[in-house]
Amino acid sequence: MMKPYHNLTFPALFSETVTKFGSSNAMALVGQTPITYKEVNSKIHALIAFYEKLGIKTGDKIAILSSNMPNWGITYYATTFMGAVVVPILPDFSVMEIENILKHSESKAIVVSKALYAKIKNLDIDSLDYTIAVENFDLIESNQTTAQYDDSATPDKSYQVAEDDMAAIIYTSGTTGSSKGVMLSHKNICSNATSARQLHPIDENDRFLSILPLSHTYENTLGFIIPMLAGSCIYYLGKAPVPSLLISALKEVKPTIMFSVPLIIEKIYKGKILPTINGKAITRNLYKIPFFRKRLNLIAGKKLMETFGGKLTFFGIGGAKLGDKIEQFLREAKFPYAIGYGLTETSPLLAGIGVAKTQYRSTGPALAGVELKIHKPDPHTQIGEVWAKGDNVMMGYFKDPEKTKEVMTEDGWFKTGDLARMDKNNYLYIESRLKNMIVGASGENIYPEEIESVINNFKHVVESVVVEKKGKLVAMVHFNYEELEQQYKTLKKDVENYVDQQIDELMKELHQYVNSRVNKFSQVQMVVAQVDPFQKTATHKIKRFLYY
């Protein structure tokens, strides 16, 4: 067991790392020479010195909108080391969502990549004084200053950061303007990282390949803070993880640890492994017999390990449910996978287990320092809502005490909104979502109500329900038929045909309208006209379950 950390803040933990692993490699873009922890440390202090010149102070909010790269991490650390608050924004968010987040968080500065600058350049945000390029920390826009970033500068002040100080506000989505900003303290994130680190041995010789967005709490805590604690090196793709780029990166980096969402491993399984087995009649038939299936999976597993560079010791999967067949394959292939469970509000990990102890369909037991219980389990199935308690549970929702009260009990339990059961060894088995949230193919949280609020603003729309059907987002829309009929009465022609024609046109128009206003993963694949009004409860809420 490791010694407990005395001070759970980013500056305290990072300074321990610099003392122990100062000359170890810390981070790099794939294909470039890594910078050491000592070099990262001096870049962090140079950026704090630049912030000081700009008049940025403890408590100010600084947004980051960028793909993963070493300077993303340097920005995150510089911001939190001086007691300012980082607001990471998912690169896939729409312009409208980004605008809502910047306004709601009252961000004073944004550090943005050149590729994403177009999303913010026309925004008018009262609080925003500075726009800084993430690539070199050049000032793109500012309110009356000519200050420049100097790589050799050091801060004028020293900063005292406490464990309970806010470190980050994470916005899960921002479509409606009443976005939920999850406030996480230094202790929330650091306690989660130090506990999660105990699941698998990690040291300064480990190489992480980071493929999920750093603005997502999952990658942030597990793929960014944990390697820092251990003095490991993190490699970034610098671009979206398209297969060709990923395969060459795996070959070059030969990662020992990776975190992923089910989609990536599912694509490999369906695109590479199954076609090989189904390609010949003999293997196709043998695969139906458990004994031979296991042998074939073991052979495929060796090839899969080679694809991943041959050195993998831990492949963490989270963010969405892994398919049964794919998990069965990974087990029989002896692939070093492990599944975890968590939420943004819990920094994120609540349950997880090391590679050697995984159990089929389970996310493992509660993490050290986390209490989990099943609230009001069904007497027959033992399934109930997961409640959680621990140092990793959020401070609350930013500027929203009402929403915070809805999910937090007086005595500190967080209601996850997920349904699960526990076995006699306290292993957790997640069954489904209690809320309406849809989990996208890559593990993104999709909130149907937020997409619906955009749809309902469109002309002639009365109401709508967004559902997931066969992995696709479908918008069921009830138009105002009376209004449309009224429009065409004057034409004295076949009103019904005109209305049908008009509905078809409206659906096409609506499809484009919605998808231009929501993020990539919340885009609807199909718009369907709902002729009759939706059935409702006594309090006029749509009975959503009837339409799933």
Protein backbone atom coordinates (compact mmCIF):
# COMPACT_ATOMS: atom_id res chain seq x y z
CA MET A 1 0.00 0.00 0.00
CA MET A 2 1.30 3.46 -0.86
CA LYS A 3 1.83 6.12 1.76
CA PRO A 4 -1.16 8.46 1.99
CA TYR A 5 -0.73 11.88 0.42
CA HIS A 6 -0.63 14.67 2.98
CA ASN A 7 -1.98 17.44 0.79
CA LEU A 8 -4.52 16.65 -1.93
CA THR A 9 -3.95 19.66 -4.19
CA PHE A 10 -2.46 19.78 -7.69
CA PRO A 11 0.54 21.98 -6.77
CA ALA A 12 1.43 19.77 -3.76
CA LEU A 13 1.20 16.50 -5.73
CA PHE A 14 3.03 17.91 -8.73
CA SER A 15 5.86 19.23 -6.58
CA GLU A 16 6.31 15.72 -5.10
CA THR A 17 6.50 14.35 -8.65
CA VAL A 18 9.13 16.93 -9.70
CA THR A 19 11.22 16.02 -6.62
CA LYS A 20 11.03 12.28 -7.39
CA PHE A 21 10.84 12.18 -11.19
CA GLY A 22 12.09 15.60 -12.37
CA SER A 23 14.23 14.16 -15.17
CA SER A 24 11.62 11.58 -16.29
CA ASN A 25 9.65 12.15 -19.50
CA ALA A 26 6.28 13.78 -18.80
CA MET A 27 4.39 14.47 -22.05
CA ALA A 28 4.73 14.69 -25.83
CA LEU A 29 2.86 14.72 -29.09
CA VAL A 30 3.36 11.40 -30.89
CA GLY A 31 6.45 11.70 -33.08
CA GLN A 32 8.03 14.44 -30.96
CA THR A 33 10.58 14.35 -28.14
CA PRO A 34 8.91 14.33 -24.71
CA ILE A 35 9.49 17.15 -22.24
CA THR A 36 10.52 16.21 -18.69
CA TYR A 37 8.63 16.98 -15.48
CA LYS A 38 11.24 19.68 -14.66
CA GLU A 39 10.58 21.32 -18.04
CA VAL A 40 6.80 21.09 -17.53
CA ASN A 41 7.29 22.72 -14.12
CA SER A 42 9.14 25.71 -15.57
CA LYS A 43 6.52 26.12 -18.34
CA ILE A 44 3.74 26.10 -15.71
CA HIS A 45 5.50 28.86 -13.77
CA ALA A 46 6.13 30.89 -16.95
CA LEU A 47 2.41 30.72 -17.75
CA ILE A 48 1.48 31.78 -14.19
CA ALA A 49 3.84 34.76 -14.61
CA PHE A 50 2.02 35.63 -17.86
CA TYR A 51 -1.37 35.33 -16.11
CA GLU A 52 -0.08 37.77 -13.47
CA LYS A 53 0.83 40.30 -16.18
CA LEU A 54 -2.73 39.98 -17.51
CA GLY A 55 -4.15 40.64 -14.05
CA ILE A 56 -5.60 37.14 -13.68
CA LYS A 57 -6.10 36.34 -10.02
CA THR A 58 -7.01 33.47 -7.68
CA GLY A 59 -10.66 32.53 -8.23
CA ASP A 60 -10.81 33.77 -11.85
CA LYS A 61 -12.21 31.31 -14.41
CA ILE A 62 -10.05 30.28 -17.38
CA ALA A 63 -11.59 28.19 -20.18
CA ILE A 64 -9.68 25.71 -22.36
CA LEU A 65 -10.97 24.83 -25.83
CA SER A 66 -8.42 22.63 -27.57
CA SER A 67 -7.60 19.12 -28.68
CA ASN A 68 -5.19 17.16 -26.46
CA MET A 69 -1.57 18.36 -26.43
CA PRO A 70 1.12 19.04 -23.79
CA ASN A 71 0.15 22.73 -23.55
CA TRP A 72 -3.42 21.70 -22.63
CA GLY A 73 -2.00 20.07 -19.49
CA ILE A 74 0.36 22.98 -18.80
CA THR A 75 -2.62 25.39 -18.99
CA TYR A 76 -4.66 23.19 -16.63
CA TYR A 77 -1.87 23.05 -14.05
CA ALA A 78 -0.89 26.74 -14.29
CA THR A 79 -4.53 27.76 -13.76
CA THR A 80 -5.15 25.48 -10.76
CA PHE A 81 -1.70 26.07 -9.17
CA MET A 82 -2.54 29.76 -8.68
CA GLY A 83 -5.97 29.00 -7.27
CA ALA A 84 -7.83 30.04 -10.42
CA VAL A 85 -10.57 27.75 -11.80
CA VAL A 86 -10.22 25.84 -15.06
CA VAL A 87 -13.26 25.45 -17.35
CA PRO A 88 -12.47 22.67 -19.86
CA ILE A 89 -14.76 22.70 -22.93
CA LEU A 90 -15.31 19.66 -25.16
CA PRO A 91 -13.98 20.43 -28.69
CA ASP A 92 -17.18 18.93 -30.18
CA PHE A 93 -19.47 21.44 -28.48
CA SER A 94 -21.44 23.73 -30.80
CA VAL A 95 -20.89 27.49 -30.96
CA MET A 96 -24.11 28.02 -29.00
CA GLU A 97 -23.01 25.65 -26.23
CA ILE A 98 -19.57 27.26 -26.00
CA GLU A 99 -21.16 30.70 -25.77
CA ASN A 100 -23.50 29.53 -22.97
CA ILE A 101 -20.60 27.98 -21.03
CA LEU A 102 -18.37 31.07 -21.33
CA LYS A 103 -21.21 33.31 -20.18
CA HIS A 104 -22.44 31.04 -17.38
CA SER A 105 -18.92 30.45 -16.00
CA GLU A 106 -17.98 34.14 -16.40
CA SER A 107 -14.64 33.06 -17.85
CA LYS A 108 -12.08 35.86 -17.85
CA ALA A 109 -9.76 34.21 -20.40
CA ILE A 110 -9.91 31.36 -22.90
CA VAL A 111 -6.92 29.33 -24.07
CA VAL A 112 -7.87 28.04 -27.52
CA SER A 113 -6.28 26.02 -30.32
CA LYS A 114 -5.98 27.61 -33.76
CA ALA A 115 -8.17 24.86 -35.22
CA LEU A 116 -11.07 25.75 -32.89
CA TYR A 117 -10.65 29.53 -32.79
CA ALA A 118 -13.32 29.99 -35.49
CA LYS A 119 -15.93 28.72 -32.98
CA ILE A 120 -15.34 31.67 -30.64
CA LYS A 121 -14.02 34.52 -32.74
CA ASN A 122 -17.44 36.14 -33.29
CA LEU A 123 -18.74 35.65 -29.76
CA ASP A 124 -19.42 38.67 -27.59
CA ILE A 125 -18.83 37.65 -23.96
CA ASP A 126 -18.79 40.49 -21.41
CA SER A 127 -16.52 38.74 -18.90
CA LEU A 128 -13.96 37.55 -21.49
CA ASP A 129 -10.90 39.80 -21.51
CA TYR A 130 -8.26 37.55 -23.09
CA THR A 131 -8.00 34.96 -25.86
CA ILE A 132 -4.72 33.03 -25.75
CA ALA A 133 -3.37 30.57 -28.36
CA VAL A 134 -2.70 27.19 -26.74
CA GLU A 135 0.10 26.35 -29.19
CA ASN A 136 2.50 29.08 -27.97
CA PHE A 137 0.52 31.18 -25.41
CA ASP A 138 0.46 34.18 -27.76
CA LEU A 139 -2.25 36.72 -26.99
CA ILE A 140 -4.82 36.62 -29.84
CA GLU A 141 -7.24 39.17 -28.38
CA SER A 142 -7.10 41.30 -25.27
CA ASN A 143 -8.54 44.31 -23.53
CA GLN A 144 -5.73 46.92 -23.74
CA THR A 145 -2.55 45.00 -22.98
CA THR A 146 0.60 44.20 -24.87
CA ALA A 147 1.89 41.68 -22.33
CA GLN A 148 3.70 38.70 -23.83
CA TYR A 149 4.36 35.17 -22.68
CA ASP A 150 8.02 34.65 -21.74
CA ASP A 151 9.21 31.05 -21.47
CA SER A 152 11.84 31.96 -18.87
CA ALA A 153 9.64 34.11 -16.60
CA THR A 154 8.76 33.15 -13.02
CA PRO A 155 5.75 34.33 -10.97
CA ASP A 156 6.01 37.35 -8.67
CA LYS A 157 3.68 35.90 -6.05
CA SER A 158 3.45 32.57 -4.30
CA TYR A 159 0.04 30.94 -4.00
CA GLN A 160 -1.53 28.89 -1.24
CA VAL A 161 -4.13 26.46 -2.53
CA ALA A 162 -6.38 24.53 -0.12
CA GLU A 163 -7.84 21.06 -0.70
CA ASP A 164 -11.41 22.36 -0.66
CA ASP A 165 -10.73 25.17 -3.16
CA MET A 166 -12.56 24.82 -6.46
CA ALA A 167 -10.25 23.53 -9.20
CA ALA A 168 -12.57 23.03 -12.17
CA ILE A 169 -16.07 23.56 -13.51
CA ILE A 170 -17.00 20.80 -15.93
CA TYR A 171 -19.99 21.39 -18.19
CA THR A 172 -21.63 18.17 -19.27
CA SER A 173 -23.58 20.04 -21.97
CA GLY A 174 -24.71 23.56 -22.70
CA THR A 175 -27.56 23.50 -25.23
CA THR A 176 -30.23 25.15 -23.11
CA GLY A 177 -28.33 28.01 -21.51
CA SER A 178 -29.21 26.53 -18.12
CA SER A 179 -26.17 24.27 -18.42
CA LYS A 180 -25.05 22.14 -15.51
CA GLY A 181 -21.55 23.14 -14.42
CA VAL A 182 -20.10 20.51 -12.09
CA MET A 183 -17.81 22.15 -9.49
CA LEU A 184 -14.87 19.92 -8.55
CA SER A 185 -12.37 20.80 -5.81
CA HIS A 186 -8.67 19.91 -5.69
CA LYS A 187 -9.52 17.24 -3.13
CA ASN A 188 -12.35 15.80 -5.28
CA ILE A 189 -10.07 15.10 -8.24
CA CYS A 190 -6.83 14.34 -6.36
CA SER A 191 -8.46 11.91 -3.92
CA ASN A 192 -10.04 10.09 -6.87
CA ALA A 193 -6.74 9.87 -8.75
CA THR A 194 -4.77 8.64 -5.72
CA SER A 195 -7.41 5.95 -4.99
CA ALA A 196 -7.75 4.85 -8.63
CA ARG A 197 -3.97 4.57 -8.89
CA GLN A 198 -4.12 1.64 -6.43
CA LEU A 199 -6.03 -0.50 -8.96
CA HIS A 200 -2.93 -1.19 -11.06
CA PRO A 201 0.83 -0.83 -10.52
CA ILE A 202 2.13 2.27 -12.35
CA ASP A 203 5.60 3.84 -12.36
CA GLU A 204 7.88 6.19 -14.27
CA ASN A 205 8.50 3.57 -16.99
CA ASP A 206 4.84 3.49 -18.05
CA ARG A 207 3.71 5.10 -21.30
CA PHE A 208 0.12 6.35 -21.62
CA LEU A 209 -1.46 7.00 -25.01
CA SER A 210 -4.24 9.55 -24.53
CA ILE A 211 -7.05 9.27 -27.10
CA LEU A 212 -10.13 10.65 -25.27
CA PRO A 213 -10.70 14.41 -24.82
CA LEU A 214 -8.90 15.85 -21.77
CA SER A 215 -11.95 18.03 -21.18
CA HIS A 216 -13.85 14.86 -20.20
CA THR A 217 -13.42 14.03 -16.47
CA TYR A 218 -12.73 10.37 -17.31
CA GLU A 219 -9.60 11.05 -19.35
CA ASN A 220 -8.66 14.02 -17.18
CA THR A 221 -8.43 12.20 -13.84
CA LEU A 222 -7.36 8.75 -15.03
CA GLY A 223 -5.28 9.53 -18.12
CA PHE A 224 -3.75 12.85 -17.01
CA ILE A 225 -3.56 13.14 -13.19
CA ILE A 226 -2.70 9.46 -12.46
CA PRO A 227 0.36 9.37 -14.79
CA MET A 228 1.57 12.60 -13.13
CA LEU A 229 1.39 10.94 -9.69
CA ALA A 230 3.53 8.06 -10.95
CA GLY A 231 5.99 10.08 -13.05
CA SER A 232 4.81 8.31 -16.23
CA CYS A 233 4.89 9.79 -19.74
CA ILE A 234 1.72 10.69 -21.69
CA TYR A 235 1.63 10.76 -25.49
CA TYR A 236 -1.02 12.73 -27.40
CA LEU A 237 -2.22 12.25 -30.98
CA GLY A 238 -2.85 15.97 -31.47
CA LYS A 239 -5.83 15.07 -33.72
CA ALA A 240 -9.00 12.96 -33.61
CA PRO A 241 -8.16 9.25 -33.17
CA VAL A 242 -8.98 8.05 -36.72
CA PRO A 243 -7.93 4.39 -37.25
CA SER A 244 -4.89 5.05 -39.48
CA LEU A 245 -3.47 7.65 -37.07
CA LEU A 246 -4.16 5.46 -34.05
CA ILE A 247 -2.54 2.33 -35.54
CA SER A 248 0.70 4.16 -36.36
CA ALA A 249 0.74 5.85 -32.92
CA LEU A 250 0.30 2.46 -31.20
CA LYS A 251 3.20 1.07 -33.21
CA GLU A 252 5.43 4.01 -32.30
CA VAL A 253 4.53 4.59 -28.62
CA LYS A 254 3.91 0.94 -27.62
CA PRO A 255 1.72 2.15 -24.74
CA THR A 256 1.54 0.21 -21.48
CA ILE A 257 -1.68 1.91 -20.29
CA MET A 258 -4.68 3.29 -22.18
CA PHE A 259 -8.21 4.46 -21.43
CA SER A 260 -10.94 4.06 -23.96
CA VAL A 261 -14.69 3.99 -24.57
CA PRO A 262 -16.38 0.80 -25.82
CA LEU A 263 -16.76 2.21 -29.35
CA ILE A 264 -13.03 1.93 -30.13
CA ILE A 265 -12.65 -1.71 -29.11
CA GLU A 266 -16.04 -2.55 -30.70
CA LYS A 267 -14.88 -1.10 -34.03
CA ILE A 268 -11.73 -3.22 -33.92
CA TYR A 269 -13.71 -6.35 -32.98
CA LYS A 270 -16.36 -5.87 -35.69
CA GLY A 271 -14.01 -4.51 -38.33
CA LYS A 272 -10.95 -6.74 -37.90
CA ILE A 273 -11.61 -9.80 -35.72
CA LEU A 274 -15.08 -10.98 -36.81
CA PRO A 275 -14.39 -10.69 -40.58
CA THR A 276 -11.28 -12.88 -40.13
CA ILE A 277 -13.32 -15.55 -38.32
CA ASN A 278 -16.35 -15.34 -40.64
CA GLY A 279 -14.20 -15.19 -43.77
CA LYS A 280 -13.83 -18.99 -44.00
CA ALA A 281 -16.61 -21.56 -43.56
CA ILE A 282 -14.44 -23.76 -41.34
CA THR A 283 -13.57 -21.07 -38.77
CA ARG A 284 -17.12 -19.70 -38.94
CA ASN A 285 -18.52 -23.10 -37.95
CA LEU A 286 -15.84 -23.83 -35.34
CA TYR A 287 -16.55 -20.46 -33.71
CA LYS A 288 -20.02 -21.74 -32.77
CA ILE A 289 -18.46 -24.43 -30.53
CA PRO A 290 -17.32 -22.97 -27.15
CA PHE A 291 -14.05 -24.97 -27.00
CA PHE A 292 -12.91 -23.82 -30.45
CA ARG A 293 -14.31 -20.31 -29.97
CA LYS A 294 -12.04 -19.86 -26.95
CA ARG A 295 -9.01 -21.12 -28.92
CA LEU A 296 -9.77 -18.80 -31.85
CA ASN A 297 -10.32 -15.85 -29.49
CA LEU A 298 -6.97 -16.56 -27.82
CA ILE A 299 -5.20 -16.46 -31.21
CA ALA A 300 -7.06 -13.26 -32.15
CA GLY A 301 -6.12 -11.79 -28.76
CA LYS A 302 -2.41 -12.21 -29.49
CA LYS A 303 -2.86 -10.36 -32.78
CA LEU A 304 -4.86 -7.65 -31.01
CA MET A 305 -2.04 -7.19 -28.49
CA GLU A 306 0.42 -6.77 -31.39
CA THR A 307 -1.88 -4.13 -32.95
CA PHE A 308 -1.73 -2.22 -29.65
CA GLY A 309 2.06 -2.27 -29.69
CA GLY A 310 2.58 -5.48 -27.69
CA LYS A 311 3.33 -3.86 -24.30
CA LEU A 312 -0.18 -3.15 -22.95
CA THR A 313 -0.71 -4.05 -19.27
CA PHE A 314 -3.96 -2.14 -18.65
CA PHE A 315 -6.75 -1.15 -21.03
CA GLY A 316 -9.44 0.76 -19.09
CA ILE A 317 -12.95 0.88 -20.56
CA GLY A 318 -15.64 3.28 -19.36
CA GLY A 319 -18.12 5.96 -20.34
CA ALA A 320 -20.73 3.58 -21.81
CA LYS A 321 -21.79 -0.06 -21.59
CA LEU A 322 -19.56 -2.63 -23.29
CA GLY A 323 -21.43 -5.22 -25.39
CA ASP A 324 -21.68 -8.73 -23.88
CA LYS A 325 -20.14 -10.44 -26.93
CA ILE A 326 -17.21 -8.03 -27.00
CA GLU A 327 -16.50 -8.48 -23.31
CA GLN A 328 -16.68 -12.27 -23.75
CA PHE A 329 -14.11 -11.96 -26.56
CA LEU A 330 -11.77 -9.77 -24.45
CA ARG A 331 -11.93 -12.27 -21.57
CA GLU A 332 -11.25 -15.28 -23.77
CA ALA A 333 -8.57 -13.37 -25.69
CA LYS A 334 -6.79 -12.70 -22.36
CA PHE A 335 -6.69 -9.03 -23.32
CA PRO A 336 -5.76 -6.87 -20.26
CA TYR A 337 -9.02 -4.96 -20.02
CA ALA A 338 -10.79 -3.52 -16.96
CA ILE A 339 -14.16 -1.75 -16.73
CA GLY A 340 -14.87 1.18 -14.44
CA TYR A 341 -17.96 3.16 -13.51
CA GLY A 342 -18.34 6.81 -12.60
CA LEU A 343 -19.83 10.19 -13.36
CA THR A 344 -18.57 13.74 -13.87
CA GLU A 345 -20.09 14.60 -10.47
CA THR A 346 -17.85 12.00 -8.78
CA SER A 347 -14.55 13.11 -10.36
CA PRO A 348 -15.33 10.46 -11.97
CA LEU A 349 -14.51 6.96 -10.70
CA LEU A 350 -16.84 5.23 -8.23
CA ALA A 351 -16.10 1.56 -8.91
CA GLY A 352 -13.28 -0.28 -10.64
CA ILE A 353 -10.97 -3.28 -10.41
CA GLY A 354 -7.55 -4.39 -11.63
CA VAL A 355 -7.12 -6.50 -14.78
CA ALA A 356 -6.62 -9.81 -12.93
CA LYS A 357 -9.84 -9.53 -10.93
CA THR A 358 -12.38 -8.40 -13.55
CA GLN A 359 -15.74 -10.14 -13.50
CA TYR A 360 -17.94 -10.53 -16.54
CA ARG A 361 -20.51 -7.66 -16.81
CA SER A 362 -19.33 -6.01 -13.58
CA THR A 363 -17.55 -2.70 -13.01
CA GLY A 364 -15.94 -4.09 -9.85
CA PRO A 365 -16.39 -2.93 -6.24
CA ALA A 366 -16.34 0.61 -4.82
CA LEU A 367 -13.04 2.45 -5.10
CA ALA A 368 -10.98 2.89 -1.89
CA GLY A 369 -12.42 5.86 0.01
CA VAL A 370 -15.79 5.62 -1.77
CA GLU A 371 -18.99 4.29 -0.19
CA LEU A 372 -21.66 2.87 -2.49
CA LYS A 373 -25.14 1.66 -1.64
CA ILE A 374 -28.18 0.53 -3.57
CA HIS A 375 -31.05 2.76 -2.49
CA LYS A 376 -34.40 1.00 -2.08
CA PRO A 377 -33.50 -2.16 -4.04
CA ASP A 378 -36.34 -4.03 -5.73
CA PRO A 379 -37.07 -7.04 -3.47
CA HIS A 380 -37.09 -9.42 -6.48
CA THR A 381 -34.23 -8.17 -8.66
CA GLN A 382 -32.23 -6.32 -5.96
CA ILE A 383 -31.87 -3.48 -8.49
CA GLY A 384 -32.06 0.08 -7.17
CA GLU A 385 -30.47 3.51 -7.62
CA VAL A 386 -26.75 3.78 -6.86
CA TRP A 387 -25.95 6.31 -4.13
CA ALA A 388 -22.36 7.36 -3.50
CA LYS A 389 -20.39 9.11 -0.78
CA GLY A 390 -16.72 10.11 -0.57
CA ASP A 391 -14.10 12.84 -0.99
CA ASN A 392 -14.59 12.59 -4.75
CA VAL A 393 -18.24 13.78 -4.70
CA MET A 394 -18.60 17.24 -6.28
CA MET A 395 -18.99 20.54 -4.43
CA GLY A 396 -22.29 21.04 -6.31
CA TYR A 397 -23.57 22.59 -9.54
CA PHE A 398 -22.22 26.07 -10.26
CA LYS A 399 -24.82 28.79 -9.51
CA ASP A 400 -27.51 26.15 -9.08
CA PRO A 401 -28.24 25.25 -5.44
CA GLU A 402 -31.68 23.88 -6.43
CA LYS A 403 -30.29 21.28 -8.85
CA THR A 404 -27.59 20.46 -6.28
CA LYS A 405 -30.25 19.79 -3.64
CA GLU A 406 -32.05 17.42 -6.00
CA VAL A 407 -29.04 15.10 -6.23
CA MET A 408 -27.43 15.50 -2.78
CA THR A 409 -28.94 14.28 0.47
CA GLU A 410 -28.54 16.21 3.75
CA ASP A 411 -26.02 13.62 4.98
CA GLY A 412 -23.80 13.77 1.90
CA TRP A 413 -25.04 10.95 -0.37
CA PHE A 414 -25.00 11.66 -4.10
CA LYS A 415 -27.86 10.13 -6.10
CA THR A 416 -26.30 8.89 -9.34
CA GLY A 417 -29.51 8.34 -11.30
CA ASP A 418 -28.18 4.91 -12.37
CA LEU A 419 -29.82 1.59 -11.62
CA ALA A 420 -27.64 -1.31 -10.49
CA ARG A 421 -27.36 -4.33 -8.24
CA MET A 422 -24.49 -5.58 -6.05
CA ASP A 423 -23.39 -9.17 -5.56
CA LYS A 424 -22.26 -10.74 -2.26
CA ASN A 425 -18.66 -9.55 -2.90
CA ASN A 426 -19.95 -5.97 -3.36
CA TYR A 427 -19.19 -6.01 -7.09
CA LEU A 428 -21.43 -3.53 -8.90
CA TYR A 429 -23.52 -4.47 -11.96
CA ILE A 430 -24.95 -1.44 -13.76
CA GLU A 431 -28.32 -2.25 -15.30
CA SER A 432 -29.65 0.96 -16.85
CA ARG A 433 -30.20 4.70 -16.53
CA LEU A 434 -32.79 5.98 -14.16
CA LYS A 435 -32.90 9.30 -15.94
CA ASN A 436 -33.52 9.92 -19.61
CA MET A 437 -29.88 10.46 -20.46
CA ILE A 438 -28.69 8.61 -23.55
CA VAL A 439 -25.07 7.46 -23.68
CA GLY A 440 -23.59 8.02 -27.15
CA ALA A 441 -21.49 5.46 -28.99
CA SER A 442 -18.27 7.03 -27.71
CA GLY A 443 -19.49 7.39 -24.15
CA GLU A 444 -20.72 10.97 -24.41
CA ASN A 445 -23.68 12.00 -22.29
CA ILE A 446 -26.58 13.04 -24.52
CA TYR A 447 -29.46 14.87 -22.88
CA PRO A 448 -32.67 14.45 -24.94
CA GLU A 449 -34.44 17.37 -23.20
CA GLU A 450 -31.73 19.75 -24.38
CA ILE A 451 -32.10 18.65 -28.02
CA GLU A 452 -35.88 18.85 -27.64
CA SER A 453 -35.68 22.44 -26.40
CA VAL A 454 -33.93 23.34 -29.68
CA ILE A 455 -36.53 21.43 -31.76
CA ASN A 456 -39.42 23.03 -29.91
CA ASN A 457 -38.19 26.49 -30.92
CA PHE A 458 -38.68 25.63 -34.60
CA LYS A 459 -41.71 26.94 -36.50
CA HIS A 460 -44.93 24.88 -36.39
CA VAL A 461 -43.48 22.47 -33.77
CA VAL A 462 -45.76 21.79 -30.80
CA GLU A 463 -43.62 19.28 -28.92
CA SER A 464 -41.01 16.58 -29.44
CA VAL A 465 -39.33 13.55 -27.92
CA VAL A 466 -35.78 12.44 -28.74
CA VAL A 467 -35.18 8.72 -28.36
CA GLU A 468 -32.45 6.24 -29.21
CA LYS A 469 -33.45 3.51 -31.66
CA LYS A 470 -30.91 0.89 -32.79
CA GLY A 471 -28.06 3.15 -31.72
CA LYS A 472 -29.43 6.16 -33.62
CA LEU A 473 -30.91 9.39 -32.27
CA VAL A 474 -34.44 9.83 -33.58
CA ALA A 475 -36.48 13.00 -33.11
CA MET A 476 -40.23 12.34 -32.92
CA VAL A 477 -41.92 15.65 -33.66
CA HIS A 478 -45.56 16.71 -33.32
CA PHE A 479 -46.30 19.62 -35.66
CA ASN A 480 -49.22 22.04 -35.41
CA TYR A 481 -51.46 20.51 -38.10
CA GLU A 482 -54.30 23.00 -37.55
CA GLU A 483 -51.97 25.91 -38.17
CA LEU A 484 -50.73 24.33 -41.41
CA GLU A 485 -54.25 23.51 -42.62
CA GLN A 486 -55.30 27.08 -41.96
CA GLN A 487 -52.48 28.31 -44.19
CA TYR A 488 -53.69 26.25 -47.13
CA LYS A 489 -57.46 26.64 -46.82
CA THR A 490 -57.36 29.67 -49.11
CA LEU A 491 -55.85 27.52 -51.87
CA LYS A 492 -59.12 25.52 -52.10
CA LYS A 493 -57.15 22.48 -53.17
CA ASP A 494 -56.53 19.12 -51.56
CA VAL A 495 -55.51 20.41 -48.14
CA GLU A 496 -54.34 17.00 -46.91
CA ASN A 497 -51.80 16.57 -49.71
CA TYR A 498 -50.50 20.09 -49.19
CA VAL A 499 -50.05 19.56 -45.48
CA ASP A 500 -48.24 16.23 -46.00
CA GLN A 501 -45.95 17.90 -48.51
CA GLN A 502 -45.35 20.80 -46.14
CA ILE A 503 -44.55 18.40 -43.25
CA ASP A 504 -41.93 16.63 -45.41
CA GLU A 505 -40.31 19.98 -46.19
CA LEU A 506 -40.44 21.04 -42.54
CA MET A 507 -38.80 17.79 -41.39
CA LYS A 508 -35.87 18.28 -43.79
CA GLU A 509 -35.49 21.89 -42.70
CA LEU A 510 -35.80 20.98 -39.02
CA HIS A 511 -33.14 18.26 -39.38
CA GLN A 512 -30.58 20.83 -40.57
CA TYR A 513 -31.77 23.44 -38.05
CA VAL A 514 -31.25 21.14 -35.04
CA ASN A 515 -27.94 19.67 -36.12
CA SER A 516 -26.43 23.11 -36.67
CA ARG A 517 -27.29 24.04 -33.07
CA VAL A 518 -26.19 21.00 -31.08
CA ASN A 519 -22.82 19.30 -30.65
CA LYS A 520 -21.63 16.53 -32.95
CA PHE A 521 -22.69 13.66 -30.70
CA SER A 522 -26.18 15.12 -30.03
CA GLN A 523 -27.05 15.35 -33.74
CA VAL A 524 -30.20 13.50 -34.75
CA GLN A 525 -30.04 10.91 -37.50
CA MET A 526 -33.74 10.94 -38.28
CA VAL A 527 -36.79 13.19 -37.85
CA VAL A 528 -40.14 11.42 -37.68
CA ALA A 529 -43.55 13.12 -37.70
CA GLN A 530 -45.71 12.21 -34.71
CA VAL A 531 -49.27 12.69 -36.04
CA ASP A 532 -51.15 12.40 -32.72
CA PRO A 533 -50.17 14.49 -29.70
CA PHE A 534 -47.91 12.66 -27.22
CA GLN A 535 -49.61 10.95 -24.29
CA LYS A 536 -49.13 12.83 -21.04
CA THR A 537 -49.28 12.40 -17.28
CA ALA A 538 -51.69 14.28 -15.01
CA THR A 539 -49.11 17.05 -14.65
CA HIS A 540 -48.80 17.33 -18.46
CA LYS A 541 -45.42 15.66 -18.76
CA ILE A 542 -44.95 13.46 -21.83
CA LYS A 543 -44.94 9.75 -20.94
CA ARG A 544 -41.52 9.23 -22.46
CA PHE A 545 -41.33 5.51 -21.77
CA LEU A 546 -44.13 4.92 -24.30
CA TYR A 547 -41.87 6.13 -27.11
CA TYR A 548 -38.61 4.30 -26.35
